[in-house]
Amino acid sequence: MQFRNLRGIREDRDIKQKDIAQILNVSQNTYSQYENGVISLTAEVLIKLADYYDVSVDFLLDRTNNPCMQK
């Protein structure tokens, strides 16, 4: 399962995969596999990405089109 919102938010902010991979301390190839759904995102990675982008985990997982975090 590809994660369109995860890829979209990265591209909208003009961030390269290698830059996000460095933040997550993984290889660019691993990050690419996250975006393409080849390997599963861990809870730790999801939380780091949600915090970095200031969006909800549900948005990153394409469960909603609303990026706002529920408070």
C-alpha atoms as a PDB file:
ATOM      1  CA  MET A   1       0.000   0.000   0.000  1.00  0.00           C
ATOM      2  CA  GLN A   2       1.493   3.313  -1.075  1.00  0.00           C
ATOM      3  CA  PHE A   3       1.120   6.257   1.276  1.00  0.00           C
ATOM      4  CA  ARG A   4       0.104   9.160  -0.965  1.00  0.00           C
ATOM      5  CA  ASN A   5      -0.128  11.711   1.856  1.00  0.00           C
ATOM      6  CA  LEU A   6       3.309  10.782   3.175  1.00  0.00           C
ATOM      7  CA  ARG A   7       4.848  11.285  -0.240  1.00  0.00           C
ATOM      8  CA  GLY A   8       2.707  14.312  -1.009  1.00  0.00           C
ATOM      9  CA  ILE A   9       3.580  16.272   2.115  1.00  0.00           C
ATOM     10  CA  ARG A  10       7.275  15.620   1.553  1.00  0.00           C
ATOM     11  CA  GLU A  11       7.067  16.749  -2.056  1.00  0.00           C
ATOM     12  CA  ASP A  12       4.891  19.774  -1.208  1.00  0.00           C
ATOM     13  CA  ARG A  13       7.596  20.953   1.162  1.00  0.00           C
ATOM     14  CA  ASP A  14      10.372  20.258  -1.375  1.00  0.00           C
ATOM     15  CA  ILE A  15      12.118  17.780   0.899  1.00  0.00           C
ATOM     16  CA  LYS A  16      14.166  14.961  -0.589  1.00  0.00           C
ATOM     17  CA  GLN A  17      13.826  11.368   0.567  1.00  0.00           C
ATOM     18  CA  LYS A  18      17.459  11.337   1.644  1.00  0.00           C
ATOM     19  CA  ASP A  19      16.838  14.286   3.979  1.00  0.00           C
ATOM     20  CA  ILE A  20      13.891  12.601   5.711  1.00  0.00           C
ATOM     21  CA  ALA A  21      15.869   9.361   5.845  1.00  0.00           C
ATOM     22  CA  GLN A  22      18.647  11.173   7.733  1.00  0.00           C
ATOM     23  CA  ILE A  23      16.134  12.538  10.257  1.00  0.00           C
ATOM     24  CA  LEU A  24      14.801   9.011  10.787  1.00  0.00           C
ATOM     25  CA  ASN A  25      18.310   7.540  10.848  1.00  0.00           C
ATOM     26  CA  VAL A  26      17.542   5.106   8.022  1.00  0.00           C
ATOM     27  CA  SER A  27      18.830   4.765   4.470  1.00  0.00           C
ATOM     28  CA  GLN A  28      17.152   6.566   1.586  1.00  0.00           C
ATOM     29  CA  ASN A  29      16.187   3.160   0.199  1.00  0.00           C
ATOM     30  CA  THR A  30      14.453   2.215   3.457  1.00  0.00           C
ATOM     31  CA  TYR A  31      12.534   5.486   3.482  1.00  0.00           C
ATOM     32  CA  SER A  32      11.493   4.923  -0.146  1.00  0.00           C
ATOM     33  CA  GLN A  33      10.190   1.508   0.848  1.00  0.00           C
ATOM     34  CA  TYR A  34       8.153   3.125   3.645  1.00  0.00           C
ATOM     35  CA  GLU A  35       6.517   5.516   1.169  1.00  0.00           C
ATOM     36  CA  ASN A  36       5.787   2.720  -1.275  1.00  0.00           C
ATOM     37  CA  GLY A  37       4.416   0.371   1.372  1.00  0.00           C
ATOM     38  CA  VAL A  38       7.063  -2.266   0.724  1.00  0.00           C
ATOM     39  CA  ILE A  39       7.988  -2.333   4.403  1.00  0.00           C
ATOM     40  CA  SER A  40       5.748  -1.377   7.281  1.00  0.00           C
ATOM     41  CA  LEU A  41       6.116   1.884   9.129  1.00  0.00           C
ATOM     42  CA  THR A  42       6.828   1.347  12.800  1.00  0.00           C
ATOM     43  CA  ALA A  43       5.008   3.317  15.477  1.00  0.00           C
ATOM     44  CA  GLU A  44       8.274   5.100  16.288  1.00  0.00           C
ATOM     45  CA  VAL A  45       8.767   6.203  12.672  1.00  0.00           C
ATOM     46  CA  LEU A  46       5.144   7.310  12.341  1.00  0.00           C
ATOM     47  CA  ILE A  47       5.375   9.427  15.479  1.00  0.00           C
ATOM     48  CA  LYS A  48       8.650  11.025  14.335  1.00  0.00           C
ATOM     49  CA  LEU A  49       7.140  11.857  10.943  1.00  0.00           C
ATOM     50  CA  ALA A  50       3.900  13.201  12.426  1.00  0.00           C
ATOM     51  CA  ASP A  51       5.889  15.393  14.810  1.00  0.00           C
ATOM     52  CA  TYR A  52       8.247  16.571  12.067  1.00  0.00           C
ATOM     53  CA  TYR A  53       5.423  17.529   9.699  1.00  0.00           C
ATOM     54  CA  ASP A  54       3.054  18.571  12.518  1.00  0.00           C
ATOM     55  CA  VAL A  55       0.262  16.374  11.159  1.00  0.00           C
ATOM     56  CA  SER A  56      -1.726  13.434  12.465  1.00  0.00           C
ATOM     57  CA  VAL A  57      -0.628   9.838  12.083  1.00  0.00           C
ATOM     58  CA  ASP A  58      -4.000   9.154  10.425  1.00  0.00           C
ATOM     59  CA  PHE A  59      -3.120  11.702   7.736  1.00  0.00           C
ATOM     60  CA  LEU A  60       0.224  10.016   7.068  1.00  0.00           C
ATOM     61  CA  LEU A  61      -1.540   6.644   6.786  1.00  0.00           C
ATOM     62  CA  ASP A  62      -4.121   8.027   4.298  1.00  0.00           C
ATOM     63  CA  ARG A  63      -6.950   7.458   6.796  1.00  0.00           C
ATOM     64  CA  THR A  64      -8.006  11.098   6.444  1.00  0.00           C
ATOM     65  CA  ASN A  65      -7.360  14.018   4.115  1.00  0.00           C
ATOM     66  CA  ASN A  66      -7.283  16.406   7.067  1.00  0.00           C
ATOM     67  CA  PRO A  67      -3.673  16.919   8.157  1.00  0.00           C
ATOM     68  CA  CYS A  68      -4.664  18.622  11.416  1.00  0.00           C
ATOM     69  CA  MET A  69      -3.817  16.851  14.581  1.00  0.00           C
ATOM     70  CA  GLN A  70      -6.769  16.112  16.859  1.00  0.00           C
ATOM     71  CA  LYS A  71      -6.326  17.814  20.198  1.00  0.00           C
END
